[in-house]
Protein backbone atom coordinates (compact mmCIF):
# COMPACT_ATOMS: atom_id res chain seq x y z
CA MET A 1 -5.28 0.39 9.25
CA SER A 2 -5.04 -2.94 10.91
CA ALA A 3 -2.25 -5.37 10.32
CA GLY A 4 -4.56 -8.48 10.43
CA SER A 5 -3.66 -12.32 10.22
CA VAL A 6 -1.30 -13.69 7.78
CA ALA A 7 -1.35 -17.52 6.64
CA LEU A 8 1.98 -18.73 5.26
CA ILE A 9 1.63 -22.03 3.64
CA VAL A 10 4.49 -24.53 4.28
CA PRO A 11 4.86 -27.20 1.67
CA GLU A 12 5.37 -29.98 4.03
CA GLU A 13 4.78 -32.80 1.35
CA ILE A 14 8.36 -32.33 0.07
CA GLY A 15 9.77 -30.78 3.24
CA VAL A 16 11.22 -27.26 2.88
CA ALA A 17 14.19 -27.58 0.49
CA PHE A 18 17.26 -25.64 1.34
CA TRP A 19 16.72 -23.42 -1.81
CA ASP A 20 13.03 -22.67 -0.59
CA LEU A 21 14.19 -21.72 3.05
CA TYR A 22 14.79 -17.99 1.99
CA GLU A 23 11.15 -17.75 0.59
CA VAL A 24 9.63 -19.08 3.93
CA SER A 25 11.78 -17.16 6.19
CA ILE A 26 11.05 -13.84 4.46
CA PRO A 27 7.42 -13.46 5.41
CA ALA A 28 8.01 -15.32 8.74
CA THR A 29 10.36 -12.69 9.64
CA VAL A 30 8.41 -9.63 8.42
CA PHE A 31 5.01 -10.72 9.63
CA GLY A 32 5.93 -13.16 12.57
CA MET A 33 8.33 -11.02 14.65
CA PRO A 34 6.33 -8.48 16.77
CA GLN A 35 7.26 -4.85 16.48
CA PRO A 36 5.28 -3.16 19.26
CA ASP A 37 6.89 0.18 19.03
CA LEU A 38 5.90 0.56 15.42
CA ALA A 39 2.52 -0.99 15.42
CA ASP A 40 0.53 -2.74 18.21
CA PRO A 41 -1.08 -5.26 17.49
CA TRP A 42 1.43 -6.57 14.86
CA TYR A 43 0.50 -9.24 12.24
CA ASP A 44 -0.81 -12.59 13.57
CA LEU A 45 1.39 -15.02 11.40
CA ARG A 46 0.06 -18.79 11.07
CA MET A 47 2.30 -21.18 9.38
CA CYS A 48 0.02 -23.58 7.79
CA GLY A 49 1.08 -27.13 6.75
CA THR A 50 -0.17 -29.02 3.77
CA GLY A 51 -1.06 -31.90 5.88
CA ASP A 52 1.10 -34.58 4.45
CA ARG A 53 4.27 -36.03 5.70
CA ALA A 54 7.64 -34.89 4.42
CA SER A 55 9.53 -37.39 2.33
CA GLU A 56 12.63 -38.82 4.14
CA ALA A 57 14.46 -38.45 0.74
CA ALA A 58 13.61 -34.93 0.34
CA PRO A 59 16.62 -32.44 0.81
CA GLY A 60 15.91 -29.77 3.54
CA PHE A 61 13.90 -29.60 6.40
CA ALA A 62 10.31 -30.84 7.66
CA LEU A 63 8.54 -28.12 9.51
CA ARG A 64 5.68 -29.13 11.94
CA THR A 65 2.96 -26.29 12.59
CA PRO A 66 -0.21 -26.44 14.62
CA TYR A 67 -1.97 -25.09 11.58
CA ARG A 68 -3.29 -26.83 8.47
CA LEU A 69 -4.69 -25.90 5.21
CA ASP A 70 -8.03 -25.40 6.48
CA ASP A 71 -6.83 -22.76 8.69
CA ILE A 72 -6.00 -20.50 5.85
CA VAL A 73 -9.75 -19.66 5.32
CA GLY A 74 -10.56 -16.72 7.29
CA ALA A 75 -6.97 -15.28 7.20
CA ASP A 76 -6.64 -11.66 5.99
CA THR A 77 -3.71 -12.56 3.79
CA VAL A 78 -2.50 -15.82 2.30
CA ILE A 79 1.04 -16.45 1.12
CA VAL A 80 2.39 -19.13 -1.05
CA SER A 81 6.09 -19.09 -0.94
CA SER A 82 6.76 -21.92 -3.31
CA VAL A 83 5.65 -24.90 -5.09
CA PRO A 84 7.38 -28.30 -5.40
CA ASP A 85 10.17 -28.66 -7.89
CA ASP A 86 8.30 -31.10 -10.14
CA VAL A 87 5.56 -28.55 -10.73
CA LEU A 88 8.37 -26.46 -12.47
CA SER A 89 10.55 -29.16 -14.15
CA GLU A 90 7.93 -31.78 -15.00
CA GLY A 91 4.50 -29.73 -15.27
CA ALA A 92 3.20 -31.81 -12.28
CA PRO A 93 0.03 -30.50 -10.95
CA VAL A 94 -0.28 -28.65 -7.62
CA SER A 95 -2.01 -30.69 -5.01
CA PRO A 96 -5.77 -30.53 -5.34
CA GLU A 97 -6.06 -29.98 -1.46
CA LEU A 98 -4.02 -26.74 -1.64
CA ILE A 99 -5.94 -25.60 -4.79
CA THR A 100 -9.20 -26.06 -3.07
CA ALA A 101 -8.10 -24.31 0.20
CA LEU A 102 -6.70 -21.15 -1.99
CA ARG A 103 -9.92 -20.91 -3.76
CA ARG A 104 -11.86 -21.07 -0.60
CA ALA A 105 -9.70 -18.61 1.08
CA HIS A 106 -10.09 -16.10 -1.86
CA ASP A 107 -13.83 -16.52 -1.90
CA ALA A 108 -13.82 -15.68 1.89
CA GLY A 109 -12.01 -12.51 0.93
CA ALA A 110 -8.39 -13.13 1.83
CA ARG A 111 -5.65 -11.12 0.10
CA MET A 112 -3.75 -13.71 -1.97
CA VAL A 113 0.00 -13.58 -2.32
CA SER A 114 2.79 -15.41 -3.93
CA LEU A 115 6.37 -15.27 -3.67
CA CYS A 116 8.55 -16.57 -6.66
CA SER A 117 7.31 -19.91 -7.95
CA GLY A 118 4.10 -19.89 -5.57
CA ALA A 119 2.65 -17.99 -8.65
CA PHE A 120 2.07 -21.30 -10.18
CA ALA A 121 -0.31 -22.30 -7.31
CA LEU A 122 -2.20 -19.13 -7.68
CA ALA A 123 -2.42 -19.72 -11.47
CA GLU A 124 -3.58 -23.30 -11.18
CA ALA A 125 -6.25 -22.31 -8.76
CA GLY A 126 -7.40 -19.78 -11.38
CA LEU A 127 -6.79 -16.68 -9.29
CA LEU A 128 -4.48 -15.07 -11.83
CA ASP A 129 -6.77 -15.45 -14.85
CA GLY A 130 -7.09 -12.20 -16.65
CA ARG A 131 -4.37 -10.39 -14.45
CA ARG A 132 -0.99 -9.14 -14.64
CA ALA A 133 1.46 -11.30 -12.64
CA THR A 134 5.03 -12.19 -12.22
CA SER A 135 7.54 -14.94 -10.92
CA HIS A 136 11.11 -15.43 -11.03
CA TRP A 137 12.57 -14.47 -14.53
CA MET A 138 13.75 -18.00 -14.91
CA HIS A 139 10.06 -19.36 -14.44
CA THR A 140 8.15 -16.54 -16.26
CA ALA A 141 8.16 -18.10 -19.80
CA ARG A 142 6.95 -21.59 -18.50
CA LEU A 143 4.21 -19.64 -16.38
CA ALA A 144 3.01 -17.96 -19.55
CA GLU A 145 3.11 -20.95 -21.55
CA ARG A 146 0.99 -23.16 -19.12
CA PHE A 147 -1.48 -20.44 -18.20
CA PRO A 148 -2.07 -18.27 -21.43
CA ARG A 149 -4.79 -16.28 -19.57
CA ILE A 150 -2.33 -14.63 -17.40
CA GLU A 151 -0.55 -11.45 -18.56
CA VAL A 152 3.04 -12.34 -17.25
CA ASP A 153 5.48 -9.52 -16.64
CA ASP A 154 9.11 -10.80 -16.27
CA SER A 155 10.41 -7.12 -15.79
CA VAL A 156 9.16 -6.22 -12.37
CA LEU A 157 9.89 -6.99 -8.87
CA TYR A 158 6.31 -7.53 -7.92
CA VAL A 159 2.79 -6.93 -9.17
CA ASP A 160 0.17 -5.38 -6.84
CA ASP A 161 -3.11 -6.01 -8.55
CA GLY A 162 -5.34 -5.27 -5.39
CA ASP A 163 -6.38 -8.46 -3.73
CA VAL A 164 -3.80 -10.82 -5.48
CA LEU A 165 -0.17 -9.96 -5.46
CA THR A 166 2.69 -11.75 -6.98
CA SER A 167 6.58 -11.35 -6.68
CA ALA A 168 9.73 -12.31 -8.61
CA GLY A 169 12.22 -14.55 -6.97
CA MET A 170 14.27 -14.41 -3.80
CA THR A 171 14.90 -10.91 -2.52
CA ALA A 172 11.91 -9.52 -4.59
CA GLY A 173 9.76 -11.37 -2.01
CA LEU A 174 11.24 -9.18 0.65
CA ASP A 175 10.30 -6.19 -1.44
CA LEU A 176 6.68 -7.42 -1.85
CA CYS A 177 6.38 -8.09 2.02
CA LEU A 178 7.53 -4.73 2.74
CA HIS A 179 5.20 -3.40 0.18
CA LEU A 180 2.36 -5.11 1.87
CA VAL A 181 3.43 -3.39 5.20
CA ARG A 182 3.49 -0.15 3.49
CA ARG A 183 0.07 -0.63 2.25
CA ASP A 184 -1.26 -1.87 5.66
CA LEU A 185 0.50 0.38 8.16
CA GLY A 186 2.12 3.17 6.06
CA ALA A 187 5.48 4.24 4.68
CA HIS A 188 6.86 5.29 8.09
CA VAL A 189 6.30 1.66 9.54
CA ALA A 190 7.67 0.08 6.43
CA ASN A 191 10.72 2.25 6.35
CA GLN A 192 11.65 1.72 9.96
CA LEU A 193 11.23 -2.07 9.59
CA ALA A 194 13.37 -2.03 6.47
CA ARG A 195 16.10 -0.19 8.34
CA ARG A 196 16.11 -2.81 11.05
CA MET A 197 16.47 -5.51 8.53
CA VAL A 198 19.24 -3.43 6.83
CA VAL A 199 17.58 -3.49 3.43
CA PRO A 200 16.00 -0.59 1.10
CA ALA A 201 12.55 0.18 2.20
CA HIS A 202 11.68 0.40 -1.63
CA ARG A 203 13.73 -0.70 -4.66
CA PRO A 204 13.00 1.18 -7.72
CA GLY A 205 13.64 -0.61 -10.92
CA GLY A 206 12.67 -4.00 -12.00
CA GLN A 207 13.93 -7.50 -12.12
CA ALA A 208 15.04 -7.25 -15.79
CA GLN A 209 18.25 -5.58 -14.47
CA PHE A 210 19.16 -8.89 -12.99
CA ILE A 211 18.61 -11.20 -15.87
CA ALA A 212 22.02 -10.40 -17.50
CA LEU A 213 23.83 -9.19 -14.29
CA SER A 214 22.56 -10.79 -11.17
CA VAL A 215 24.61 -8.79 -8.80
CA PRO A 216 25.99 -5.23 -9.45
CA ALA A 217 29.58 -4.94 -9.99
CA THR A 218 31.56 -4.94 -6.77
CA ASP A 219 33.02 -1.19 -7.15
CA ASP A 220 29.38 0.11 -7.46
CA GLN A 221 29.00 -0.60 -3.89
CA GLY A 222 31.11 2.61 -3.49
CA LEU A 223 27.81 4.39 -4.23
CA ALA A 224 26.45 3.70 -0.72
CA PRO A 225 28.19 6.57 1.07
CA VAL A 226 27.01 9.18 -1.49
CA LEU A 227 23.48 7.78 -1.71
CA ASP A 228 23.30 7.76 2.14
CA TRP A 229 24.52 11.22 2.16
CA ALA A 230 21.89 12.29 -0.42
CA ARG A 231 19.22 10.72 1.83
CA ALA A 232 20.32 12.64 4.72
CA HIS A 233 20.26 16.05 2.74
CA LEU A 234 17.04 15.70 0.82
CA ASP A 235 15.85 19.19 2.08
CA GLN A 236 18.57 20.62 -0.06
CA PRO A 237 18.71 21.18 -3.77
CA LEU A 238 20.66 18.17 -5.44
CA THR A 239 21.83 17.68 -8.79
CA ILE A 240 23.41 14.75 -10.54
CA GLU A 241 26.65 16.93 -10.78
CA ASP A 242 26.65 17.34 -6.84
CA LEU A 243 26.32 13.59 -6.31
CA ALA A 244 28.91 12.70 -9.07
CA ARG A 245 31.30 15.25 -7.72
CA ARG A 246 30.85 13.81 -4.13
CA ALA A 247 31.33 10.24 -5.48
CA MET A 248 34.41 11.41 -7.14
CA MET A 249 33.09 10.26 -10.45
CA SER A 250 32.30 12.08 -13.79
CA ARG A 251 28.64 12.70 -14.39
CA ARG A 252 28.63 9.96 -17.08
CA THR A 253 30.19 7.40 -14.91
CA PHE A 254 27.95 8.12 -11.98
CA TYR A 255 24.69 7.91 -14.06
CA ARG A 256 25.93 4.67 -15.58
CA ARG A 257 26.86 3.21 -12.29
CA LEU A 258 23.67 4.21 -10.41
CA GLN A 259 21.53 2.78 -13.21
CA GLN A 260 23.41 -0.32 -13.17
CA ALA A 261 23.03 -0.69 -9.55
CA THR A 262 19.48 0.34 -9.07
CA GLY A 263 17.85 -0.23 -12.48
CA THR A 264 16.67 3.66 -12.45
CA THR A 265 18.14 6.97 -13.37
CA PRO A 266 19.45 9.31 -10.77
CA LEU A 267 16.72 11.69 -11.17
CA GLN A 268 14.12 8.91 -10.73
CA TRP A 269 16.06 7.65 -7.62
CA LEU A 270 16.18 10.95 -6.10
CA LEU A 271 12.45 11.53 -6.72
CA ALA A 272 11.66 8.17 -5.23
CA GLN A 273 13.86 9.12 -2.03
CA ARG A 274 12.02 12.45 -1.65
CA LEU A 275 8.50 10.97 -1.99
CA SER A 276 9.46 8.29 0.64
CA GLN A 277 10.61 11.05 2.97
CA ALA A 278 7.33 12.92 2.23
CA GLN A 279 5.37 9.93 3.05
CA SER A 280 7.19 9.58 6.45
CA LEU A 281 6.67 13.10 7.34
CA LEU A 282 3.01 13.02 6.57
CA GLU A 283 2.58 10.04 8.82
CA SER A 284 4.66 10.99 11.73
CA THR A 285 4.58 14.75 11.93
CA ASP A 286 1.92 17.63 11.94
CA PHE A 287 3.84 19.77 9.46
CA PRO A 288 1.74 21.50 6.98
CA VAL A 289 2.09 20.36 3.28
CA GLU A 290 4.35 23.23 2.51
CA ARG A 291 6.81 22.42 5.21
CA VAL A 292 6.82 18.73 4.17
CA ALA A 293 7.69 19.77 0.48
CA GLU A 294 10.51 21.76 1.64
CA LEU A 295 11.93 19.06 3.89
CA SER A 296 11.67 16.48 1.29
CA GLY A 297 13.18 18.65 -1.31
CA LEU A 298 10.11 18.98 -3.63
CA GLY A 299 10.13 22.58 -3.04
CA THR A 300 6.50 23.77 -3.27
CA ALA A 301 3.02 22.29 -1.99
CA ASN A 302 2.00 22.09 -5.57
CA ASN A 303 5.13 20.20 -6.70
CA LEU A 304 4.45 17.77 -3.92
CA ARG A 305 0.93 17.46 -4.77
CA HIS A 306 1.63 16.76 -8.36
CA HIS A 307 4.36 14.00 -7.82
CA PHE A 308 2.27 12.40 -5.12
CA LEU A 309 -0.84 12.13 -7.11
CA LYS A 310 1.19 10.75 -10.00
CA GLN A 311 3.25 8.18 -8.10
CA VAL A 312 1.12 7.45 -4.94
CA GLY A 313 -2.26 7.89 -6.46
CA VAL A 314 -3.80 10.08 -3.72
CA SER A 315 -3.22 13.61 -2.47
CA PRO A 316 -0.88 14.36 0.53
CA GLY A 317 -3.85 15.16 2.51
CA ALA A 318 -5.69 11.94 1.83
CA TYR A 319 -2.61 9.94 2.40
CA ARG A 320 -2.20 11.55 5.83
CA ASN A 321 -5.81 10.77 6.70
CA ALA A 322 -5.36 7.05 5.70
CA PHE A 323 -2.57 6.56 8.59
CA PRO A 324 -3.84 8.39 11.59
CA ARG A 325 -2.30 5.65 13.87
CA GLN A 326 1.24 6.83 13.52
CA PRO A 327 2.40 9.27 16.44
CA ARG A 328 3.05 12.78 15.46
CA VAL A 329 5.15 15.53 16.75
CA THR A 330 4.03 19.16 16.69
CA ALA A 331 5.83 21.44 14.24
CA ALA A 332 8.32 23.66 15.89
CA ALA A 333 7.87 27.38 15.68
CA GLY A 334 10.23 28.93 12.94
């Protein structure tokens, strides 16, 4: 599949506030830095300014770009990274020019994406009506109150509703951007890109785990070695007892700490890793499905098909056919 063009909207009328830089830099890094060894051509990123001059009193930075709002029409993907603070704090409307441009881009067939508070712009444009959507958990109650036609979900990291996608705050925007790469170019490319960025390719669980505890306890970082070891041994039968023993914890303590750190159970985490391994093998090798099942630790081809259909939505064969661009190696004899 083609990467296509991405229009990233830069809110110049207020400058880019310090606290909004993260949401701007995430898609700029993911889609704007060529990765020719992973996919060539890579995405064509266009940073599109809103056209108004930044206020001198605005904290942060003013960005100048050669692209304007009119340039988002015709892009394959349009990303709104944030809205001005007064939209959130005072209920101010999003600029009419931006709303018009978003509607035109959507009507032209663009995939519409919001990160964090950018959901308020899509909502005001009417693009989230009748859809499930999310935003940062600090803003979801306000989003639901102002736009009652939206099914707001504050428990997830992102929502993929086909042609309209929304994410929660901060790092959840990175989760969504990697998800877009996974949709466009496959799990193998997304996994390799995530590795280069030193982040998980996919975080199971939702943002509900961060509402009461924004950062996992420091000693939970001690799980990293055993989880890395598990990823390197997915072809072997692994149990919670095996992982707990390797982490030098009791089964109950290991279960609790992994759930606190990832928002999911050890068995769910392990299944997600096995499926991710299977996706990469399906894309990058010619191994038969039976061999993919063995190497990913799912045992049999039937078990692989069962979990693949349930979690990914298509059969392993259909998934492999959807991503023919990845280089493959020939299965070794024996």
